[in-house]
C-alpha atoms as a PDB file:
ATOM      1  CA  UNK A   1       0.329   0.082  -0.118  1.00  0.00           C
ATOM      2  CA  UNK A   2       2.682   2.631   0.665  1.00  0.00           C
ATOM      3  CA  UNK A   3       4.647   1.793  -2.499  1.00  0.00           C
ATOM      4  CA  UNK A   4       1.714   2.059  -4.643  1.00  0.00           C
ATOM      5  CA  UNK A   5       1.077   5.444  -1.941  1.00  0.00           C
ATOM      6  CA  UNK A   6       4.136   6.335  -2.975  1.00  0.00           C
ATOM      7  CA  UNK A   7       3.627   6.125  -6.640  1.00  0.00           C
ATOM      8  CA  UNK A   8       0.617   8.385  -7.278  1.00  0.00           C
ATOM      9  CA  UNK A   9       0.781  10.495  -4.534  1.00  0.00           C
ATOM     10  CA  UNK A  10       4.753  11.296  -3.731  1.00  0.00           C
ATOM     11  CA  UNK A  11       6.909  10.317  -1.046  1.00  0.00           C
ATOM     12  CA  UNK A  12       5.880  13.164   0.912  1.00  0.00           C
ATOM     13  CA  UNK A  13       2.155  13.249   1.028  1.00  0.00           C
ATOM     14  CA  UNK A  14       0.111  12.342   4.342  1.00  0.00           C
ATOM     15  CA  UNK A  15      -1.552   9.009   2.969  1.00  0.00           C
ATOM     16  CA  UNK A  16       2.055   7.386   1.591  1.00  0.00           C
ATOM     17  CA  UNK A  17       3.186   8.467   5.551  1.00  0.00           C
ATOM     18  CA  UNK A  18       0.821   6.969   7.341  1.00  0.00           C
ATOM     19  CA  UNK A  19       0.868   3.871   5.403  1.00  0.00           C
ATOM     20  CA  UNK A  20       4.901   3.964   6.260  1.00  0.00           C
ATOM     21  CA  UNK A  21       4.100   4.752   9.407  1.00  0.00           C
ATOM     22  CA  UNK A  22       2.045   1.688   9.630  1.00  0.00           C
ATOM     23  CA  UNK A  23       4.361  -0.756   7.969  1.00  0.00           C
ATOM     24  CA  UNK A  24       6.935   0.437  10.362  1.00  0.00           C
ATOM     25  CA  UNK A  25       4.721  -0.694  13.052  1.00  0.00           C
ATOM     26  CA  UNK A  26       4.102  -4.177  11.731  1.00  0.00           C
ATOM     27  CA  UNK A  27       7.889  -4.840  10.765  1.00  0.00           C
ATOM     28  CA  UNK A  28       8.278  -3.803  15.266  1.00  0.00           C
ATOM     29  CA  UNK A  29       5.129  -5.578  16.645  1.00  0.00           C
ATOM     30  CA  UNK A  30       6.342  -8.956  14.203  1.00  0.00           C
ATOM     31  CA  UNK A  31      10.034  -8.908  16.379  1.00  0.00           C
ATOM     32  CA  UNK A  32      11.792  -6.993  12.882  1.00  0.00           C
ATOM     33  CA  UNK A  33      12.873  -4.236  16.181  1.00  0.00           C
ATOM     34  CA  UNK A  34      16.137  -3.018  13.944  1.00  0.00           C
ATOM     35  CA  UNK A  35      13.631  -3.064  10.160  1.00  0.00           C
ATOM     36  CA  UNK A  36      11.281  -0.990  12.278  1.00  0.00           C
ATOM     37  CA  UNK A  37      14.135   1.792  13.157  1.00  0.00           C
ATOM     38  CA  UNK A  38      14.603   2.230  10.488  1.00  0.00           C
ATOM     39  CA  UNK A  39      11.098   3.225   9.060  1.00  0.00           C
ATOM     40  CA  UNK A  40      10.413   4.710  11.795  1.00  0.00           C
ATOM     41  CA  UNK A  41      13.492   7.337  10.928  1.00  0.00           C
ATOM     42  CA  UNK A  42      12.571   7.869   7.171  1.00  0.00           C
ATOM     43  CA  UNK A  43       8.989   8.968   8.521  1.00  0.00           C
ATOM     44  CA  UNK A  44       9.995  10.925  11.149  1.00  0.00           C
ATOM     45  CA  UNK A  45      11.779  12.923   8.790  1.00  0.00           C
ATOM     46  CA  UNK A  46       9.269  13.566   6.274  1.00  0.00           C
ATOM     47  CA  UNK A  47       7.112  14.326   8.684  1.00  0.00           C
ATOM     48  CA  UNK A  48       9.117  17.639  10.919  1.00  0.00           C
ATOM     49  CA  UNK A  49      10.263  18.486   6.560  1.00  0.00           C
ATOM     50  CA  UNK A  50       6.712  18.625   5.583  1.00  0.00           C
ATOM     51  CA  UNK A  51       4.463  18.851   8.767  1.00  0.00           C
ATOM     52  CA  UNK A  52       6.782  19.888  11.350  1.00  0.00           C
ATOM     53  CA  UNK A  53       9.144  19.320  14.410  1.00  0.00           C
ATOM     54  CA  UNK A  54       5.434  19.849  16.572  1.00  0.00           C
ATOM     55  CA  UNK A  55       2.955  18.249  14.833  1.00  0.00           C
ATOM     56  CA  UNK A  56       1.405  15.747  16.251  1.00  0.00           C
ATOM     57  CA  UNK A  57       2.124  13.046  13.772  1.00  0.00           C
ATOM     58  CA  UNK A  58       5.423  13.778  13.784  1.00  0.00           C
ATOM     59  CA  UNK A  59       5.382  13.491  18.237  1.00  0.00           C
ATOM     60  CA  UNK A  60       4.238   9.930  17.736  1.00  0.00           C
ATOM     61  CA  UNK A  61       6.225   8.646  14.814  1.00  0.00           C
ATOM     62  CA  UNK A  62       9.213   9.699  16.807  1.00  0.00           C
ATOM     63  CA  UNK A  63       7.874   8.145  20.203  1.00  0.00           C
ATOM     64  CA  UNK A  64       7.721   4.771  18.586  1.00  0.00           C
ATOM     65  CA  UNK A  65      11.203   5.511  17.730  1.00  0.00           C
ATOM     66  CA  UNK A  66      11.636   5.724  20.800  1.00  0.00           C
ATOM     67  CA  UNK A  67       9.629   2.552  22.198  1.00  0.00           C
ATOM     68  CA  UNK A  68      11.920   0.950  20.202  1.00  0.00           C
ATOM     69  CA  UNK A  69      15.059   1.729  20.560  1.00  0.00           C
ATOM     70  CA  UNK A  70      13.921   0.360  23.512  1.00  0.00           C
ATOM     71  CA  UNK A  71      13.403  -3.259  22.325  1.00  0.00           C
ATOM     72  CA  UNK A  72      17.143  -2.974  21.413  1.00  0.00           C
ATOM     73  CA  UNK A  73      18.454  -2.201  24.108  1.00  0.00           C
ATOM     74  CA  UNK A  74      19.903   1.309  23.769  1.00  0.00           C
ATOM     75  CA  UNK A  75      18.108   3.025  27.037  1.00  0.00           C
ATOM     76  CA  UNK A  76      19.927   5.714  26.420  1.00  0.00           C
ATOM     77  CA  UNK A  77      19.377   6.097  23.167  1.00  0.00           C
ATOM     78  CA  UNK A  78      15.700   5.531  23.574  1.00  0.00           C
ATOM     79  CA  UNK A  79      15.726   8.654  27.278  1.00  0.00           C
ATOM     80  CA  UNK A  80      16.667  11.361  25.022  1.00  0.00           C
ATOM     81  CA  UNK A  81      14.292  10.917  21.534  1.00  0.00           C
ATOM     82  CA  UNK A  82      11.687  10.120  25.087  1.00  0.00           C
ATOM     83  CA  UNK A  83      12.548  13.798  27.056  1.00  0.00           C
ATOM     84  CA  UNK A  84      12.470  15.414  23.839  1.00  0.00           C
ATOM     85  CA  UNK A  85       8.945  14.767  22.247  1.00  0.00           C
ATOM     86  CA  UNK A  86       7.326  14.730  26.324  1.00  0.00           C
ATOM     87  CA  UNK A  87       9.266  19.086  26.252  1.00  0.00           C
ATOM     88  CA  UNK A  88       6.717  19.040  22.949  1.00  0.00           C
ATOM     89  CA  UNK A  89       3.689  17.581  23.853  1.00  0.00           C
ATOM     90  CA  UNK A  90       3.721  19.606  27.326  1.00  0.00           C
ATOM     91  CA  UNK A  91       4.226  22.708  25.372  1.00  0.00           C
ATOM     92  CA  UNK A  92       1.397  21.968  22.121  1.00  0.00           C
ATOM     93  CA  UNK A  93      -1.398  19.779  24.013  1.00  0.00           C
ATOM     94  CA  UNK A  94      -0.619  19.573  27.734  1.00  0.00           C
ATOM     95  CA  UNK A  95       0.385  18.055  30.799  1.00  0.00           C
ATOM     96  CA  UNK A  96      -2.394  16.237  31.066  1.00  0.00           C
ATOM     97  CA  UNK A  97      -3.326  15.050  27.605  1.00  0.00           C
ATOM     98  CA  UNK A  98      -3.301  11.717  26.869  1.00  0.00           C
ATOM     99  CA  UNK A  99      -0.129  11.193  25.464  1.00  0.00           C
ATOM    100  CA  UNK A 100       1.528  13.391  27.038  1.00  0.00           C
ATOM    101  CA  UNK A 101       0.974  11.020  29.850  1.00  0.00           C
ATOM    102  CA  UNK A 102       1.152   7.906  27.880  1.00  0.00           C
ATOM    103  CA  UNK A 103       4.690  10.141  27.184  1.00  0.00           C
ATOM    104  CA  UNK A 104       5.769  10.092  29.901  1.00  0.00           C
ATOM    105  CA  UNK A 105       4.406   6.575  31.153  1.00  0.00           C
ATOM    106  CA  UNK A 106       7.327   5.120  28.841  1.00  0.00           C
ATOM    107  CA  UNK A 107      10.286   7.675  30.034  1.00  0.00           C
ATOM    108  CA  UNK A 108       9.092   6.502  33.381  1.00  0.00           C
ATOM    109  CA  UNK A 109       9.402   3.049  31.745  1.00  0.00           C
ATOM    110  CA  UNK A 110      12.996   4.193  30.673  1.00  0.00           C
ATOM    111  CA  UNK A 111      14.734   5.332  33.377  1.00  0.00           C
ATOM    112  CA  UNK A 112      13.877   2.157  35.275  1.00  0.00           C
ATOM    113  CA  UNK A 113      15.527   0.724  32.578  1.00  0.00           C
ATOM    114  CA  UNK A 114      18.411   2.394  32.368  1.00  0.00           C
ATOM    115  CA  UNK A 115      18.469   1.659  36.261  1.00  0.00           C
ATOM    116  CA  UNK A 116      17.607   5.423  37.863  1.00  0.00           C
ATOM    117  CA  UNK A 117      15.041   3.944  40.285  1.00  0.00           C
ATOM    118  CA  UNK A 118      14.065   6.170  42.013  1.00  0.00           C
ATOM    119  CA  UNK A 119      13.381   8.601  39.494  1.00  0.00           C
ATOM    120  CA  UNK A 120      10.742   6.095  37.863  1.00  0.00           C
ATOM    121  CA  UNK A 121       9.217   5.005  40.904  1.00  0.00           C
ATOM    122  CA  UNK A 122       8.627   8.979  41.329  1.00  0.00           C
ATOM    123  CA  UNK A 123       7.721   9.409  37.399  1.00  0.00           C
ATOM    124  CA  UNK A 124       5.471   6.638  37.370  1.00  0.00           C
ATOM    125  CA  UNK A 125       3.522   7.587  40.913  1.00  0.00           C
ATOM    126  CA  UNK A 126       3.230  10.920  39.428  1.00  0.00           C
ATOM    127  CA  UNK A 127       2.105   9.659  36.033  1.00  0.00           C
ATOM    128  CA  UNK A 128      -0.296   6.924  37.771  1.00  0.00           C
ATOM    129  CA  UNK A 129      -2.034   9.979  39.751  1.00  0.00           C
ATOM    130  CA  UNK A 130      -2.278  12.365  36.606  1.00  0.00           C
ATOM    131  CA  UNK A 131      -3.894   9.018  34.526  1.00  0.00           C
ATOM    132  CA  UNK A 132      -6.919   8.428  37.674  1.00  0.00           C
ATOM    133  CA  UNK A 133      -7.371  12.708  37.865  1.00  0.00           C
ATOM    134  CA  UNK A 134      -7.725  12.177  33.993  1.00  0.00           C
ATOM    135  CA  UNK A 135      -8.460   9.304  32.951  1.00  0.00           C
ATOM    136  CA  UNK A 136     -10.295   7.152  35.856  1.00  0.00           C
ATOM    137  CA  UNK A 137      -8.652   5.089  39.103  1.00  0.00           C
ATOM    138  CA  UNK A 138     -10.098   1.910  36.848  1.00  0.00           C
ATOM    139  CA  UNK A 139      -8.825   2.877  33.766  1.00  0.00           C
ATOM    140  CA  UNK A 140      -6.488   0.190  31.772  1.00  0.00           C
ATOM    141  CA  UNK A 141      -3.760   2.929  31.316  1.00  0.00           C
ATOM    142  CA  UNK A 142      -3.986   3.791  34.716  1.00  0.00           C
ATOM    143  CA  UNK A 143      -3.143   0.456  35.925  1.00  0.00           C
ATOM    144  CA  UNK A 144      -0.527  -0.625  33.729  1.00  0.00           C
ATOM    145  CA  UNK A 145       0.772   2.735  35.877  1.00  0.00           C
ATOM    146  CA  UNK A 146       0.126   1.417  39.246  1.00  0.00           C
ATOM    147  CA  UNK A 147       1.928  -1.811  38.171  1.00  0.00           C
ATOM    148  CA  UNK A 148       4.735   0.173  36.877  1.00  0.00           C
ATOM    149  CA  UNK A 149       4.679   1.922  40.395  1.00  0.00           C
ATOM    150  CA  UNK A 150       4.252  -1.986  41.785  1.00  0.00           C
ATOM    151  CA  UNK A 151       7.059  -3.189  39.909  1.00  0.00           C
ATOM    152  CA  UNK A 152       9.398  -0.197  40.862  1.00  0.00           C
ATOM    153  CA  UNK A 153       8.607  -0.176  44.363  1.00  0.00           C
ATOM    154  CA  UNK A 154       9.578  -4.239  44.285  1.00  0.00           C
ATOM    155  CA  UNK A 155      13.342  -2.610  43.107  1.00  0.00           C
ATOM    156  CA  UNK A 156      13.350  -0.075  46.047  1.00  0.00           C
ATOM    157  CA  UNK A 157      12.905  -3.242  48.131  1.00  0.00           C
ATOM    158  CA  UNK A 158      10.025  -1.674  49.764  1.00  0.00           C
ATOM    159  CA  UNK A 159       7.964  -5.226  49.061  1.00  0.00           C
ATOM    160  CA  UNK A 160       5.223  -4.434  51.870  1.00  0.00           C
ATOM    161  CA  UNK A 161       4.294  -1.529  49.407  1.00  0.00           C
ATOM    162  CA  UNK A 162       4.489  -3.447  46.615  1.00  0.00           C
ATOM    163  CA  UNK A 163       2.623  -6.085  47.544  1.00  0.00           C
ATOM    164  CA  UNK A 164      -0.363  -3.626  48.136  1.00  0.00           C
ATOM    165  CA  UNK A 165      -0.476  -1.964  45.136  1.00  0.00           C
ATOM    166  CA  UNK A 166      -0.341  -4.590  43.117  1.00  0.00           C
ATOM    167  CA  UNK A 167      -3.454  -6.533  45.175  1.00  0.00           C
ATOM    168  CA  UNK A 168      -4.982  -3.478  44.181  1.00  0.00           C
ATOM    169  CA  UNK A 169      -4.243  -3.617  40.524  1.00  0.00           C
ATOM    170  CA  UNK A 170      -5.050  -6.954  40.695  1.00  0.00           C
ATOM    171  CA  UNK A 171      -9.018  -5.863  41.976  1.00  0.00           C
ATOM    172  CA  UNK A 172      -9.251  -3.327  39.844  1.00  0.00           C
ATOM    173  CA  UNK A 173      -8.117  -5.201  36.772  1.00  0.00           C
ATOM    174  CA  UNK A 174     -10.716  -8.304  37.456  1.00  0.00           C
ATOM    175  CA  UNK A 175     -13.106  -5.712  37.625  1.00  0.00           C
ATOM    176  CA  UNK A 176     -12.005  -3.047  34.798  1.00  0.00           C
ATOM    177  CA  UNK A 177     -10.641  -6.333  32.373  1.00  0.00           C
ATOM    178  CA  UNK A 178     -12.272  -9.604  33.933  1.00  0.00           C
ATOM    179  CA  UNK A 179     -10.551 -12.150  36.529  1.00  0.00           C
ATOM    180  CA  UNK A 180      -9.298 -13.811  34.094  1.00  0.00           C
ATOM    181  CA  UNK A 181      -7.861 -11.291  31.324  1.00  0.00           C
ATOM    182  CA  UNK A 182      -4.198 -12.062  31.304  1.00  0.00           C
ATOM    183  CA  UNK A 183      -3.534  -8.842  32.678  1.00  0.00           C
ATOM    184  CA  UNK A 184      -5.080  -9.984  35.501  1.00  0.00           C
ATOM    185  CA  UNK A 185      -3.135 -12.815  35.455  1.00  0.00           C
ATOM    186  CA  UNK A 186      -0.032 -10.449  35.189  1.00  0.00           C
ATOM    187  CA  UNK A 187      -0.738  -8.451  38.506  1.00  0.00           C
ATOM    188  CA  UNK A 188      -2.028 -11.598  40.531  1.00  0.00           C
ATOM    189  CA  UNK A 189       0.931 -14.106  39.357  1.00  0.00           C
ATOM    190  CA  UNK A 190       3.407 -10.281  40.274  1.00  0.00           C
ATOM    191  CA  UNK A 191       1.472  -9.936  43.946  1.00  0.00           C
ATOM    192  CA  UNK A 192       2.983 -13.895  44.581  1.00  0.00           C
ATOM    193  CA  UNK A 193       6.565 -13.145  43.702  1.00  0.00           C
ATOM    194  CA  UNK A 194       6.151  -9.368  46.422  1.00  0.00           C
ATOM    195  CA  UNK A 195       4.277 -12.617  48.531  1.00  0.00           C
ATOM    196  CA  UNK A 196       7.168 -15.101  48.395  1.00  0.00           C
ATOM    197  CA  UNK A 197      10.094 -12.180  48.570  1.00  0.00           C
ATOM    198  CA  UNK A 198       8.280 -10.911  51.714  1.00  0.00           C
ATOM    199  CA  UNK A 199       9.511 -14.686  53.601  1.00  0.00           C
ATOM    200  CA  UNK A 200       5.168 -15.006  53.116  1.00  0.00           C
ATOM    201  CA  UNK A 201       5.719 -18.607  51.108  1.00  0.00           C
ATOM    202  CA  UNK A 202       2.743 -20.458  52.432  1.00  0.00           C
ATOM    203  CA  UNK A 203       1.178 -17.624  51.111  1.00  0.00           C
ATOM    204  CA  UNK A 204       3.072 -16.962  47.744  1.00  0.00           C
ATOM    205  CA  UNK A 205       2.071 -21.109  47.386  1.00  0.00           C
ATOM    206  CA  UNK A 206      -1.852 -21.065  47.977  1.00  0.00           C
ATOM    207  CA  UNK A 207      -1.103 -17.730  45.693  1.00  0.00           C
ATOM    208  CA  UNK A 208       0.750 -19.714  43.559  1.00  0.00           C
ATOM    209  CA  UNK A 209      -1.861 -22.447  43.072  1.00  0.00           C
ATOM    210  CA  UNK A 210      -4.872 -20.287  42.854  1.00  0.00           C
ATOM    211  CA  UNK A 211      -3.112 -18.690  39.460  1.00  0.00           C
ATOM    212  CA  UNK A 212      -2.605 -21.893  37.623  1.00  0.00           C
ATOM    213  CA  UNK A 213      -6.394 -22.885  38.708  1.00  0.00           C
ATOM    214  CA  UNK A 214      -7.987 -19.676  37.145  1.00  0.00           C
ATOM    215  CA  UNK A 215      -5.872 -19.808  34.238  1.00  0.00           C
ATOM    216  CA  UNK A 216      -6.110 -24.222  33.561  1.00  0.00           C
ATOM    217  CA  UNK A 217      -9.795 -22.906  33.771  1.00  0.00           C
ATOM    218  CA  UNK A 218      -9.697 -20.208  31.263  1.00  0.00           C
ATOM    219  CA  UNK A 219      -7.003 -20.644  28.675  1.00  0.00           C
ATOM    220  CA  UNK A 220      -6.689 -24.599  28.558  1.00  0.00           C
ATOM    221  CA  UNK A 221      -4.069 -27.091  30.845  1.00  0.00           C
ATOM    222  CA  UNK A 222      -1.188 -26.804  28.227  1.00  0.00           C
END
């Protein structure tokens, strides 16, 4: 589709660039991250040239570049791109726009992978609070960020707080997504991990056994 649109509309037409963006997205989701990064870079350069550096479509493709850099283990490069995109989003969209909050969430995640655990925890808490205010406390995006808060608490060895947060996320996901949703199961699994880290091994074992039984019922024994 991208090649046909380029032939008919030209290489820099918005529809051509939209198709190239979708092709890059597909490359990333099929495990070809390096190819996806090259494709995203090409689209980003064209959108900067034709739409401007602060256009929403330009920022969207640059954010995907940052995500792909992270998947390639290039977290320092990803941090630089996320920071640049976040500055532009805050300036053009406002601090509480959902796209701005998504970028801040991704930046918090990336900070954790850079080993900046305190910074990651602080930013994730801020994003979780903002998403709860803007989207609602039970919104899936809010719960994704709260899950990240719990993860960073664990890395800070604050397991009692991590346990409480994982339990809250698991309960909220069961209500919002359903008890058999994979994200609900993921939060329940991490609840077991936190119990184990706290030395509450019998409770952890019970949590795992219940989770295995529920997963087998929902997804099949295999």
